[in-house]
Amino acid sequence: MADRAWGLPPQRGCRAGGPGLGGLRACVIVCLALSACSTPSADTGGSITIAVLSSPNNLDPRIGTDETSQRAHQLIYDNLLSLDDQLRPSAGLATHWEQPDPLTYIVYLRRGVRFHDGHELTADDVVYTFGSFIDPAFLSARKGAYRTLDRVTAIDPYTVRFTLKEPFGSFPIQLVMPVVPTGAGPGLREHPVGTGPYQFVRFAVDDRLELKSFPGYFGGAPANEGVILKVVPDEIMRALELRKGTVDMVVNDLAPDVVYQLAKEQSVTVAESPGTDYAYIGFNMRDPVLSDRRVRHAIGYAVDRQAIVDHLRRGLARPAIGILPPASWAFEPQVFQFSHDVEKAKALLEEAGYRDPDGDGPLPRLRLTLKVSTNEFIRLQAAVIQQDLKQAGIELDVRSYEFATLYADVLKGNFQLFTLQWVGVSDPDMLRRVFHSKQMPPSGFNRGYYDNPEVDRLIDAAMLAPSDADRRRLYGEAQARIAEDAPYISLWYKTNVAVSRTNIEGVTLSPSADFTFVRRVRKN
């Protein structure tokens, strides 16, 4: 799970703030046409070359949290537990686990699993990996996820005990984490050793990460000879390299307009799947205007989310209901949802005391400020939201910032409205981390200062619930109350998209779009 400005990097080959999507499409068409003059395809043999935005920051999975690092981790390492299609924890390096009491989890390991250096995976490696997160001297942004972990111990070479400080029903999902070899030091950052389907060959910063197939992989050798993560920061260049064959695949790193153009090419194929990334408008609940639920609802009714999905996203999304994705076992569909109803929005503003000052004239009922990133797609979307709100009588001042500045303002509560995207949401504990009143900064992600004691009670009860059925019911009730309060306006869930050359087979995307599918990909 991560936070980022929703959308994709700016189109460097196009004019910033250009004439809308029509101009962007024209630019993409011209850029793709230039590929007729490009250099011949690179010969990578049976390896699969995937274009990525940037180099991985850290190949130690306990530390690296950027998207490219996590993709590399999924190829080099295996998780102790995995996620199934409903985003529930399932077998991974562990065959199964038990919970003999609310504070204890016993995990049983597969036998015969080998690291790339030849030594067998044992409980010592698991204890070392997860023990890092409760070691005060170890620095990692992931440590917060293990705040309830008291100790981890080896019962025998293939059995591990996790002991918690307090009951935490979502703890098993924290075991969806790669296991590193015992004693692994700083060298793991650039020379990783895992148990995954691929082993490290070479890493050239800002150029490529090369991996080769691991024939001793416990799940069977990959269907290809290796994987190359090739760094191509510019989106148009990623499209060009895909078209000319110097890369084989791009996953979730092309804007909808670019995918639309590439889908017309006979040399590429497009695979899609429902995703978990969630785009939203956030409110500052301490703002005197936005603290009124009627105003938040008016904004929700004014925004035409379906038009954003159909036109800006080219159908590569679906309107969102809440922060948990429909793929989640804890997702509750029967909650309040906004339709596009401008008259309803006007009526709510009238009820809240924001009357129309001049009938059909130009004067607004009220003025608000929306902070967004400088990304081209984000700015186009903000312009659509601005126009939608204008129809209801709200004048929206859109201010764009570099992401670091925007994010700093959000963390400080320096905003009225903002737009961001939650990436890779899989655990219903996100409801606690984002909407519980005790998770306001700096403690957690409740950056809009939402406070509802009943929501707190439901989330707290779900954490302690003895069964998934009880947790599902309690999380469902919390989702219903959050939807009615509207601390966020849900916009869309992203559709995962992989664009690949036609000689590439076996591309299948999970809801989280992780790279574990790559080991089944073949090049013909």
Protein backbone atom coordinates (compact mmCIF):
# COMPACT_ATOMS: atom_id res chain seq x y z
CA MET A 1 0.00 0.00 0.00
CA ALA A 2 1.29 3.46 -0.88
CA ASP A 3 0.17 7.03 -1.42
CA ARG A 4 0.81 8.92 -4.62
CA ALA A 5 -0.58 11.64 -6.82
CA TRP A 6 -3.05 9.85 -9.05
CA GLY A 7 -2.35 9.62 -12.71
CA LEU A 8 0.97 9.15 -14.43
CA PRO A 9 4.12 11.17 -15.08
CA PRO A 10 3.84 14.25 -17.35
CA GLN A 11 3.95 13.77 -21.11
CA ARG A 12 7.36 15.23 -21.91
CA GLY A 13 6.69 15.21 -25.63
CA CYS A 14 3.54 17.33 -25.24
CA ARG A 15 2.83 20.86 -24.17
CA ALA A 16 2.12 21.13 -20.45
CA GLY A 17 -1.37 22.45 -19.89
CA GLY A 18 -2.14 21.92 -23.59
CA PRO A 19 -5.54 21.87 -25.31
CA GLY A 20 -7.01 18.96 -23.35
CA LEU A 21 -7.17 15.33 -24.31
CA GLY A 22 -7.59 16.05 -28.01
CA GLY A 23 -4.20 17.72 -28.08
CA LEU A 24 -2.70 14.96 -25.98
CA ARG A 25 -4.01 12.28 -28.36
CA ALA A 26 -2.61 14.13 -31.35
CA CYS A 27 0.75 14.35 -29.64
CA VAL A 28 0.73 10.63 -28.85
CA ILE A 29 -0.13 9.75 -32.45
CA VAL A 30 2.74 11.87 -33.78
CA CYS A 31 5.18 10.38 -31.29
CA LEU A 32 4.20 6.81 -32.07
CA ALA A 33 4.45 7.49 -35.78
CA LEU A 34 8.09 8.47 -35.30
CA SER A 35 8.87 4.85 -34.46
CA ALA A 36 9.10 4.10 -38.16
CA CYS A 37 12.52 5.72 -38.00
CA SER A 38 13.62 3.92 -34.83
CA THR A 39 16.52 1.52 -34.41
CA PRO A 40 16.11 -2.25 -34.85
CA SER A 41 14.84 -4.41 -32.00
CA ALA A 42 17.29 -5.48 -29.32
CA ASP A 43 17.90 -9.21 -29.10
CA THR A 44 17.27 -10.34 -25.54
CA GLY A 45 16.87 -14.03 -26.36
CA GLY A 46 14.39 -15.80 -24.11
CA SER A 47 14.40 -13.08 -21.43
CA ILE A 48 11.41 -10.81 -20.93
CA THR A 49 12.20 -7.08 -21.02
CA ILE A 50 9.77 -4.89 -19.06
CA ALA A 51 9.93 -1.10 -19.16
CA VAL A 52 9.68 0.60 -15.75
CA LEU A 53 9.58 4.23 -14.66
CA SER A 54 12.67 4.29 -12.48
CA SER A 55 15.42 2.23 -10.90
CA PRO A 56 14.61 0.28 -7.74
CA ASN A 57 15.75 2.23 -4.70
CA ASN A 58 16.58 -0.78 -2.56
CA LEU A 59 16.57 -4.50 -3.38
CA ASP A 60 16.29 -5.40 0.32
CA PRO A 61 12.51 -5.99 0.64
CA ARG A 62 12.54 -4.97 4.30
CA ILE A 63 13.52 -1.47 3.24
CA GLY A 64 12.62 -0.74 -0.40
CA THR A 65 9.05 0.58 -0.65
CA ASP A 66 8.99 2.32 -4.05
CA GLU A 67 6.99 0.63 -6.79
CA THR A 68 9.93 -0.59 -8.89
CA SER A 69 11.69 -2.04 -5.85
CA GLN A 70 8.55 -3.93 -4.87
CA ARG A 71 8.23 -5.33 -8.40
CA ALA A 72 11.83 -6.54 -8.23
CA HIS A 73 11.18 -8.10 -4.80
CA GLN A 74 8.28 -10.07 -6.27
CA LEU A 75 10.66 -11.66 -8.78
CA ILE A 76 13.66 -12.31 -6.51
CA TYR A 77 11.97 -13.31 -3.24
CA ASP A 78 8.94 -15.22 -2.00
CA ASN A 79 6.49 -14.05 0.65
CA LEU A 80 5.94 -16.00 3.83
CA LEU A 81 2.22 -15.84 3.01
CA SER A 82 0.56 -14.87 -0.26
CA LEU A 83 -2.70 -13.13 -1.18
CA ASP A 84 -5.47 -14.99 -3.00
CA ASP A 85 -7.89 -13.42 -5.48
CA GLN A 86 -10.04 -12.12 -2.62
CA LEU A 87 -6.98 -10.52 -1.02
CA ARG A 88 -6.99 -13.00 1.85
CA PRO A 89 -3.72 -14.41 3.21
CA SER A 90 -2.94 -17.86 1.78
CA ALA A 91 -0.01 -20.26 1.54
CA GLY A 92 3.37 -19.01 0.36
CA LEU A 93 6.67 -20.12 1.80
CA ALA A 94 4.44 -21.29 4.64
CA THR A 95 2.06 -24.16 3.92
CA HIS A 96 -0.38 -23.12 6.66
CA TRP A 97 -0.69 -21.39 10.01
CA GLU A 98 -2.67 -21.72 13.25
CA GLN A 99 -3.86 -19.29 15.92
CA PRO A 100 -4.02 -21.19 19.24
CA ASP A 101 -4.91 -18.01 21.15
CA PRO A 102 -5.56 -14.32 20.33
CA LEU A 103 -1.89 -13.39 20.80
CA THR A 104 -0.18 -16.32 19.06
CA TYR A 105 0.28 -17.41 15.45
CA ILE A 106 2.14 -20.62 14.57
CA VAL A 107 3.47 -20.76 10.98
CA TYR A 108 4.61 -23.98 9.28
CA LEU A 109 7.22 -23.73 6.51
CA ARG A 110 7.62 -25.69 3.29
CA ARG A 111 10.56 -28.07 3.32
CA GLY A 112 13.22 -28.16 0.67
CA VAL A 113 12.94 -24.50 -0.40
CA ARG A 114 16.36 -23.20 -1.46
CA PHE A 115 17.84 -19.72 -1.55
CA HIS A 116 19.76 -18.75 -4.67
CA ASP A 117 23.05 -19.38 -2.82
CA GLY A 118 21.97 -23.00 -2.24
CA HIS A 119 21.13 -23.03 1.48
CA GLU A 120 17.73 -24.26 2.63
CA LEU A 121 15.09 -21.89 3.97
CA THR A 122 14.48 -22.52 7.68
CA ALA A 123 12.77 -20.89 10.63
CA ASP A 124 15.99 -18.97 11.36
CA ASP A 125 15.56 -16.98 8.12
CA VAL A 126 11.96 -16.13 9.02
CA VAL A 127 12.92 -15.11 12.56
CA TYR A 128 15.72 -12.93 11.22
CA THR A 129 13.47 -11.26 8.62
CA PHE A 130 10.59 -10.36 10.93
CA GLY A 131 12.84 -9.79 13.92
CA SER A 132 14.34 -6.89 11.97
CA PHE A 133 11.07 -4.99 12.24
CA ILE A 134 11.08 -5.06 16.03
CA ASP A 135 14.79 -4.29 16.32
CA PRO A 136 15.11 -0.63 17.46
CA ALA A 137 18.38 -0.30 15.52
CA PHE A 138 16.83 -1.35 12.20
CA LEU A 139 15.46 1.49 10.08
CA SER A 140 12.54 0.79 7.78
CA ALA A 141 9.30 2.50 6.79
CA ARG A 142 7.63 -0.91 7.11
CA LYS A 143 8.14 -1.14 10.86
CA GLY A 144 4.79 0.48 11.66
CA ALA A 145 2.95 -2.54 10.28
CA TYR A 146 4.52 -4.68 13.02
CA ARG A 147 3.71 -2.41 15.97
CA THR A 148 1.72 -5.22 17.64
CA LEU A 149 4.47 -7.85 17.20
CA ASP A 150 6.19 -8.62 20.51
CA ARG A 151 8.57 -11.40 19.45
CA VAL A 152 9.20 -14.05 16.82
CA THR A 153 10.85 -17.36 17.71
CA ALA A 154 11.78 -20.64 16.06
CA ILE A 155 10.03 -23.70 17.52
CA ASP A 156 11.97 -26.05 15.24
CA PRO A 157 13.66 -25.69 11.81
CA TYR A 158 10.31 -25.51 10.02
CA THR A 159 7.98 -23.91 12.59
CA VAL A 160 7.84 -20.27 13.72
CA ARG A 161 5.88 -18.65 16.56
CA PHE A 162 4.73 -15.01 16.29
CA THR A 163 3.66 -13.49 19.63
CA LEU A 164 1.65 -10.26 19.68
CA LYS A 165 1.39 -7.55 22.31
CA GLU A 166 -2.36 -7.30 21.80
CA PRO A 167 -4.97 -9.02 19.59
CA PHE A 168 -4.86 -7.86 15.97
CA GLY A 169 -7.14 -9.67 13.52
CA SER A 170 -5.30 -8.33 10.47
CA PHE A 171 -1.91 -9.63 11.59
CA PRO A 172 -1.69 -12.51 9.04
CA ILE A 173 -1.65 -10.04 6.16
CA GLN A 174 1.52 -8.55 7.65
CA LEU A 175 3.12 -11.93 6.91
CA VAL A 176 2.65 -11.27 3.20
CA MET A 177 6.27 -10.19 3.25
CA PRO A 178 9.42 -11.49 1.48
CA VAL A 179 11.83 -13.59 3.53
CA VAL A 180 15.54 -12.75 3.38
CA PRO A 181 18.46 -14.98 4.44
CA THR A 182 19.50 -14.88 8.07
CA GLY A 183 22.33 -12.43 8.68
CA ALA A 184 21.71 -10.49 5.44
CA GLY A 185 23.40 -7.13 5.77
CA PRO A 186 23.58 -3.88 3.79
CA GLY A 187 24.87 -5.74 0.71
CA LEU A 188 21.34 -7.03 0.09
CA ARG A 189 20.45 -3.55 -1.11
CA GLU A 190 22.27 -4.04 -4.43
CA HIS A 191 23.08 -7.78 -4.49
CA PRO A 192 19.92 -9.59 -3.38
CA VAL A 193 19.63 -13.28 -2.52
CA GLY A 194 16.15 -14.75 -2.26
CA THR A 195 14.14 -17.91 -2.84
CA GLY A 196 12.15 -16.53 -5.78
CA PRO A 197 11.91 -17.66 -9.41
CA TYR A 198 14.70 -15.30 -10.52
CA GLN A 199 18.20 -14.68 -9.24
CA PHE A 200 20.27 -11.54 -9.44
CA VAL A 201 22.70 -10.99 -12.35
CA ARG A 202 23.46 -7.27 -12.66
CA PHE A 203 22.13 -3.89 -11.60
CA ALA A 204 23.01 -0.68 -13.45
CA VAL A 205 21.40 2.30 -11.71
CA ASP A 206 19.06 4.30 -13.96
CA ASP A 207 19.53 1.72 -16.72
CA ARG A 208 18.46 -1.84 -15.91
CA LEU A 209 18.15 -4.70 -13.46
CA GLU A 210 18.98 -8.08 -14.99
CA LEU A 211 17.74 -11.35 -13.49
CA LYS A 212 18.05 -14.94 -14.68
CA SER A 213 15.77 -17.91 -14.19
CA PHE A 214 16.42 -19.91 -11.00
CA PRO A 215 16.24 -23.59 -12.01
CA GLY A 216 15.96 -24.71 -8.38
CA TYR A 217 12.79 -22.73 -7.69
CA PHE A 218 10.42 -24.78 -5.53
CA GLY A 219 7.44 -23.79 -7.68
CA GLY A 220 9.13 -24.96 -10.90
CA ALA A 221 11.54 -23.17 -13.21
CA PRO A 222 10.11 -20.09 -14.99
CA ALA A 223 8.82 -20.38 -18.55
CA ASN A 224 11.43 -17.83 -19.70
CA GLU A 225 15.19 -17.43 -19.37
CA GLY A 226 15.10 -14.28 -17.27
CA VAL A 227 13.71 -10.79 -16.74
CA ILE A 228 15.17 -7.37 -17.51
CA LEU A 229 13.61 -4.34 -15.82
CA LYS A 230 14.63 -1.56 -18.20
CA VAL A 231 14.40 2.00 -16.89
CA VAL A 232 12.51 4.24 -19.34
CA PRO A 233 11.37 7.36 -17.43
CA ASP A 234 9.56 9.03 -20.34
CA GLU A 235 6.12 7.66 -21.14
CA ILE A 236 6.24 8.35 -24.87
CA MET A 237 9.59 6.58 -25.05
CA ARG A 238 8.08 3.58 -23.25
CA ALA A 239 5.40 3.43 -25.93
CA LEU A 240 7.97 3.81 -28.71
CA GLU A 241 10.23 1.09 -27.33
CA LEU A 242 7.27 -1.23 -26.99
CA ARG A 243 6.19 -0.58 -30.55
CA LYS A 244 9.64 -1.20 -32.02
CA GLY A 245 10.27 -4.26 -29.83
CA THR A 246 13.17 -3.10 -27.64
CA VAL A 247 10.91 -3.85 -24.68
CA ASP A 248 8.42 -6.70 -24.48
CA MET A 249 5.93 -5.37 -21.97
CA VAL A 250 4.73 -2.38 -19.95
CA VAL A 251 2.51 -2.93 -16.90
CA ASN A 252 0.36 -0.07 -15.53
CA ASP A 253 2.88 2.52 -16.71
CA LEU A 254 1.05 3.97 -19.72
CA ALA A 255 -1.68 6.62 -19.65
CA PRO A 256 -5.14 5.65 -20.98
CA ASP A 257 -4.70 7.72 -24.15
CA VAL A 258 -1.42 5.96 -24.93
CA VAL A 259 -2.95 2.54 -24.32
CA TYR A 260 -5.82 3.53 -26.61
CA GLN A 261 -3.42 4.34 -29.43
CA LEU A 262 -1.24 1.26 -28.92
CA ALA A 263 -4.29 -1.02 -28.90
CA LYS A 264 -4.72 -0.21 -32.60
CA GLU A 265 -1.29 -1.66 -33.39
CA GLN A 266 -1.11 -5.20 -34.76
CA SER A 267 2.24 -5.72 -33.03
CA VAL A 268 0.88 -5.45 -29.47
CA THR A 269 -1.82 -6.98 -27.29
CA VAL A 270 -3.56 -5.51 -24.24
CA ALA A 271 -4.48 -7.46 -21.08
CA GLU A 272 -6.70 -5.94 -18.39
CA SER A 273 -7.95 -6.82 -14.91
CA PRO A 274 -9.85 -4.98 -12.17
CA GLY A 275 -7.34 -3.25 -9.90
CA THR A 276 -7.06 -2.06 -6.32
CA ASP A 277 -5.68 1.48 -6.80
CA TYR A 278 -8.20 4.01 -5.49
CA ALA A 279 -8.53 7.67 -6.51
CA TYR A 280 -10.40 10.14 -4.33
CA ILE A 281 -11.03 13.73 -3.29
CA GLY A 282 -10.09 14.34 0.35
CA PHE A 283 -11.68 16.95 2.63
CA ASN A 284 -10.31 18.89 5.59
CA MET A 285 -13.01 18.15 8.16
CA ARG A 286 -11.73 20.98 10.37
CA ASP A 287 -12.59 23.53 7.70
CA PRO A 288 -15.73 25.44 8.77
CA VAL A 289 -17.35 25.01 5.35
CA LEU A 290 -16.41 21.39 4.71
CA SER A 291 -17.27 20.25 8.23
CA ASP A 292 -20.90 20.45 7.07
CA ARG A 293 -21.84 17.08 5.60
CA ARG A 294 -24.38 18.75 3.31
CA VAL A 295 -21.58 20.62 1.56
CA ARG A 296 -19.51 17.44 1.15
CA HIS A 297 -22.55 15.66 -0.25
CA ALA A 298 -23.23 18.54 -2.63
CA ILE A 299 -19.71 18.13 -4.02
CA GLY A 300 -20.22 14.38 -4.31
CA TYR A 301 -23.42 14.83 -6.32
CA ALA A 302 -21.85 17.51 -8.51
CA VAL A 303 -18.87 15.44 -9.72
CA ASP A 304 -19.63 13.32 -12.78
CA ARG A 305 -17.46 10.31 -11.97
CA GLN A 306 -18.76 8.20 -14.85
CA ALA A 307 -17.72 10.87 -17.36
CA ILE A 308 -14.21 10.88 -15.84
CA VAL A 309 -14.05 7.09 -16.21
CA ASP A 310 -15.45 7.05 -19.75
CA HIS A 311 -13.56 9.97 -21.24
CA LEU A 312 -10.47 10.82 -19.21
CA ARG A 313 -9.70 7.22 -18.23
CA ARG A 314 -10.79 5.78 -21.61
CA GLY A 315 -12.81 3.20 -19.69
CA LEU A 316 -9.69 1.95 -17.90
CA ALA A 317 -11.30 2.40 -14.47
CA ARG A 318 -14.66 2.02 -12.78
CA PRO A 319 -16.46 4.36 -10.39
CA ALA A 320 -15.33 3.71 -6.82
CA ILE A 321 -17.52 3.02 -3.80
CA GLY A 322 -14.95 3.21 -1.02
CA ILE A 323 -11.32 2.70 -0.15
CA LEU A 324 -11.59 -1.12 -0.08
CA PRO A 325 -11.63 -2.62 -3.59
CA PRO A 326 -14.45 -4.93 -4.75
CA ALA A 327 -11.93 -7.80 -4.89
CA SER A 328 -11.49 -7.65 -1.11
CA TRP A 329 -13.24 -10.24 1.07
CA ALA A 330 -14.25 -7.38 3.39
CA PHE A 331 -15.72 -5.11 0.69
CA GLU A 332 -19.27 -3.94 1.42
CA PRO A 333 -21.25 -2.99 -1.72
CA GLN A 334 -24.48 -2.03 0.05
CA VAL A 335 -23.48 1.48 1.11
CA PHE A 336 -24.53 4.99 0.17
CA GLN A 337 -23.26 6.06 -3.26
CA PHE A 338 -23.36 9.36 -5.12
CA SER A 339 -25.14 9.70 -8.42
CA HIS A 340 -24.50 12.65 -10.73
CA ASP A 341 -27.28 15.04 -9.73
CA VAL A 342 -26.56 18.75 -10.07
CA GLU A 343 -30.01 19.80 -8.86
CA LYS A 344 -29.58 17.70 -5.72
CA ALA A 345 -26.22 19.40 -5.17
CA LYS A 346 -27.81 22.84 -5.47
CA ALA A 347 -30.59 21.91 -3.07
CA LEU A 348 -28.09 20.71 -0.45
CA LEU A 349 -26.09 23.93 -0.74
CA GLU A 350 -29.29 25.92 -0.37
CA GLU A 351 -30.17 23.91 2.74
CA ALA A 352 -26.69 24.54 4.16
CA GLY A 353 -27.19 28.29 3.76
CA TYR A 354 -25.21 28.83 0.55
CA ARG A 355 -27.89 30.49 -1.54
CA ASP A 356 -27.54 31.54 -5.15
CA PRO A 357 -26.75 35.29 -5.00
CA ASP A 358 -27.85 36.16 -8.57
CA GLY A 359 -30.08 33.46 -10.04
CA ASP A 360 -28.58 32.41 -13.38
CA GLY A 361 -25.82 34.99 -13.06
CA PRO A 362 -22.09 34.33 -12.73
CA LEU A 363 -21.70 34.78 -8.98
CA PRO A 364 -21.00 31.53 -7.05
CA ARG A 365 -22.68 30.21 -3.93
CA LEU A 366 -19.26 29.63 -2.32
CA ARG A 367 -15.58 29.36 -3.16
CA LEU A 368 -13.22 26.46 -2.35
CA THR A 369 -9.62 25.52 -3.11
CA LEU A 370 -8.49 22.16 -4.52
CA LYS A 371 -4.81 21.18 -4.35
CA VAL A 372 -3.47 18.73 -6.96
CA SER A 373 -0.15 17.65 -8.44
CA THR A 374 1.38 19.12 -11.60
CA ASN A 375 0.82 15.88 -13.51
CA GLU A 376 -0.85 16.46 -16.89
CA PHE A 377 -3.62 13.92 -16.33
CA ILE A 378 -4.29 15.25 -12.84
CA ARG A 379 -4.63 18.78 -14.12
CA LEU A 380 -7.06 17.68 -16.82
CA GLN A 381 -9.12 15.81 -14.26
CA ALA A 382 -9.07 18.75 -11.88
CA ALA A 383 -10.36 20.95 -14.69
CA VAL A 384 -13.29 18.56 -15.18
CA ILE A 385 -14.05 18.57 -11.45
CA GLN A 386 -13.81 22.37 -11.46
CA GLN A 387 -16.36 22.59 -14.29
CA ASP A 388 -18.68 20.08 -12.59
CA LEU A 389 -18.70 22.06 -9.36
CA LYS A 390 -19.29 25.29 -11.24
CA GLN A 391 -22.58 23.88 -12.53
CA ALA A 392 -23.70 23.55 -8.91
CA GLY A 393 -22.57 27.07 -8.00
CA ILE A 394 -19.20 26.27 -6.41
CA GLU A 395 -16.20 28.21 -7.67
CA LEU A 396 -13.16 25.94 -7.35
CA ASP A 397 -9.69 27.42 -7.30
CA VAL A 398 -7.38 24.64 -8.57
CA ARG A 399 -3.78 24.96 -7.43
CA SER A 400 -1.15 22.53 -8.74
CA TYR A 401 2.13 21.71 -6.98
CA GLU A 402 5.06 19.38 -7.38
CA PHE A 403 4.18 16.18 -5.59
CA ALA A 404 6.60 16.70 -2.68
CA THR A 405 5.04 20.10 -1.93
CA LEU A 406 1.48 18.81 -2.30
CA TYR A 407 2.18 15.84 -0.05
CA ALA A 408 3.79 18.04 2.62
CA ASP A 409 0.72 20.27 2.66
CA VAL A 410 -1.59 17.26 2.98
CA LEU A 411 0.45 15.90 5.91
CA LYS A 412 0.25 19.30 7.64
CA GLY A 413 -3.50 19.67 7.03
CA ASN A 414 -2.81 22.73 4.89
CA PHE A 415 -5.69 22.26 2.42
CA GLN A 416 -9.44 22.45 1.92
CA LEU A 417 -9.67 19.74 -0.75
CA PHE A 418 -6.96 17.59 -2.34
CA THR A 419 -6.68 14.65 -4.71
CA LEU A 420 -4.43 11.63 -4.22
CA GLN A 421 -4.49 7.91 -4.94
CA TRP A 422 -4.08 4.96 -2.60
CA VAL A 423 -2.07 2.26 -4.36
CA GLY A 424 -2.27 -1.47 -3.65
CA VAL A 425 -5.03 -1.44 -1.01
CA SER A 426 -5.47 -5.05 0.15
CA ASP A 427 -6.10 -5.06 3.90
CA PRO A 428 -9.37 -3.90 5.53
CA ASP A 429 -7.18 -2.51 8.32
CA MET A 430 -6.83 0.45 5.94
CA LEU A 431 -10.16 1.59 7.37
CA ARG A 432 -8.47 2.03 10.75
CA ARG A 433 -5.33 3.63 9.38
CA VAL A 434 -7.26 6.20 7.31
CA PHE A 435 -10.52 6.86 9.22
CA HIS A 436 -9.96 6.12 12.92
CA SER A 437 -9.76 9.28 15.04
CA LYS A 438 -6.56 8.04 16.72
CA GLN A 439 -4.85 7.86 13.34
CA MET A 440 -4.66 11.61 12.75
CA PRO A 441 -1.16 12.86 11.84
CA PRO A 442 1.50 12.15 12.88
CA SER A 443 0.13 8.81 14.14
CA GLY A 444 -1.54 7.65 10.94
CA PHE A 445 -3.19 8.50 7.63
CA ASN A 446 -6.36 10.28 8.84
CA ARG A 447 -5.20 13.50 7.23
CA GLY A 448 -8.67 14.99 6.88
CA TYR A 449 -9.23 14.80 10.66
CA TYR A 450 -12.35 12.66 10.36
CA ASP A 451 -13.84 11.84 13.77
CA ASN A 452 -16.83 9.53 14.28
CA PRO A 453 -16.91 7.63 17.62
CA GLU A 454 -19.19 4.93 16.21
CA VAL A 455 -16.78 4.28 13.32
CA ASP A 456 -13.95 4.06 15.86
CA ARG A 457 -15.95 1.53 17.88
CA LEU A 458 -16.72 -0.65 14.86
CA ILE A 459 -13.11 -0.65 13.67
CA ASP A 460 -11.79 -1.41 17.16
CA ALA A 461 -14.25 -4.30 17.48
CA ALA A 462 -13.24 -5.66 14.06
CA MET A 463 -9.59 -5.73 15.14
CA LEU A 464 -10.51 -7.93 18.11
CA ALA A 465 -13.18 -10.04 16.43
CA PRO A 466 -12.65 -13.81 16.79
CA SER A 467 -13.70 -14.77 13.26
CA ASP A 468 -13.55 -13.42 9.71
CA ALA A 469 -17.35 -13.46 9.61
CA ASP A 470 -17.52 -11.11 12.59
CA ARG A 471 -14.77 -8.93 11.13
CA ARG A 472 -16.57 -8.81 7.78
CA ARG A 473 -19.83 -7.67 9.45
CA LEU A 474 -18.14 -5.00 11.55
CA TYR A 475 -16.02 -3.68 8.70
CA GLY A 476 -19.16 -3.58 6.55
CA GLU A 477 -20.97 -1.44 9.11
CA ALA A 478 -17.97 0.88 9.33
CA GLN A 479 -17.88 1.24 5.55
CA ALA A 480 -21.58 2.14 5.51
CA ARG A 481 -21.17 4.90 8.09
CA ILE A 482 -18.04 6.26 6.39
CA ALA A 483 -19.85 6.38 3.04
CA GLU A 484 -22.67 8.43 4.58
CA ASP A 485 -20.26 10.84 6.26
CA ALA A 486 -18.24 11.29 3.04
CA PRO A 487 -14.81 12.27 4.42
CA TYR A 488 -13.65 11.23 0.93
CA ILE A 489 -15.42 11.49 -2.41
CA SER A 490 -14.57 8.22 -4.11
CA LEU A 491 -13.67 8.70 -7.77
CA TRP A 492 -12.48 5.47 -9.40
CA TYR A 493 -10.69 2.16 -9.08
CA LYS A 494 -7.94 1.82 -11.64
CA THR A 495 -8.06 -0.98 -14.22
CA ASN A 496 -4.75 -2.83 -14.42
CA VAL A 497 -3.31 -2.84 -17.94
CA ALA A 498 -0.41 -4.78 -19.44
CA VAL A 499 0.56 -3.93 -23.01
CA SER A 500 2.89 -6.50 -24.56
CA ARG A 501 4.29 -7.62 -27.90
CA THR A 502 2.21 -10.23 -29.71
CA ASN A 503 4.98 -12.84 -29.33
CA ILE A 504 4.55 -12.70 -25.55
CA GLU A 505 2.19 -15.27 -24.02
CA GLY A 506 0.97 -15.99 -20.50
CA VAL A 507 0.23 -12.43 -19.32
CA THR A 508 -2.33 -12.52 -16.49
CA LEU A 509 -2.85 -9.72 -13.99
CA SER A 510 -3.98 -10.10 -10.38
CA PRO A 511 -6.02 -7.36 -8.63
CA SER A 512 -2.77 -5.99 -7.13
CA ALA A 513 -0.94 -6.29 -10.49
CA ASP A 514 2.06 -7.86 -8.79
CA PHE A 515 4.84 -9.27 -10.96
CA THR A 516 4.53 -12.88 -9.79
CA PHE A 517 2.80 -13.74 -13.09
CA VAL A 518 6.01 -13.03 -15.02
CA ARG A 519 7.43 -16.50 -14.32
CA ARG A 520 4.63 -17.95 -16.46
CA VAL A 521 5.28 -15.61 -19.41
CA ARG A 522 6.79 -17.08 -22.58
CA LYS A 523 8.40 -15.48 -25.62
CA ASN A 524 7.66 -17.16 -28.96
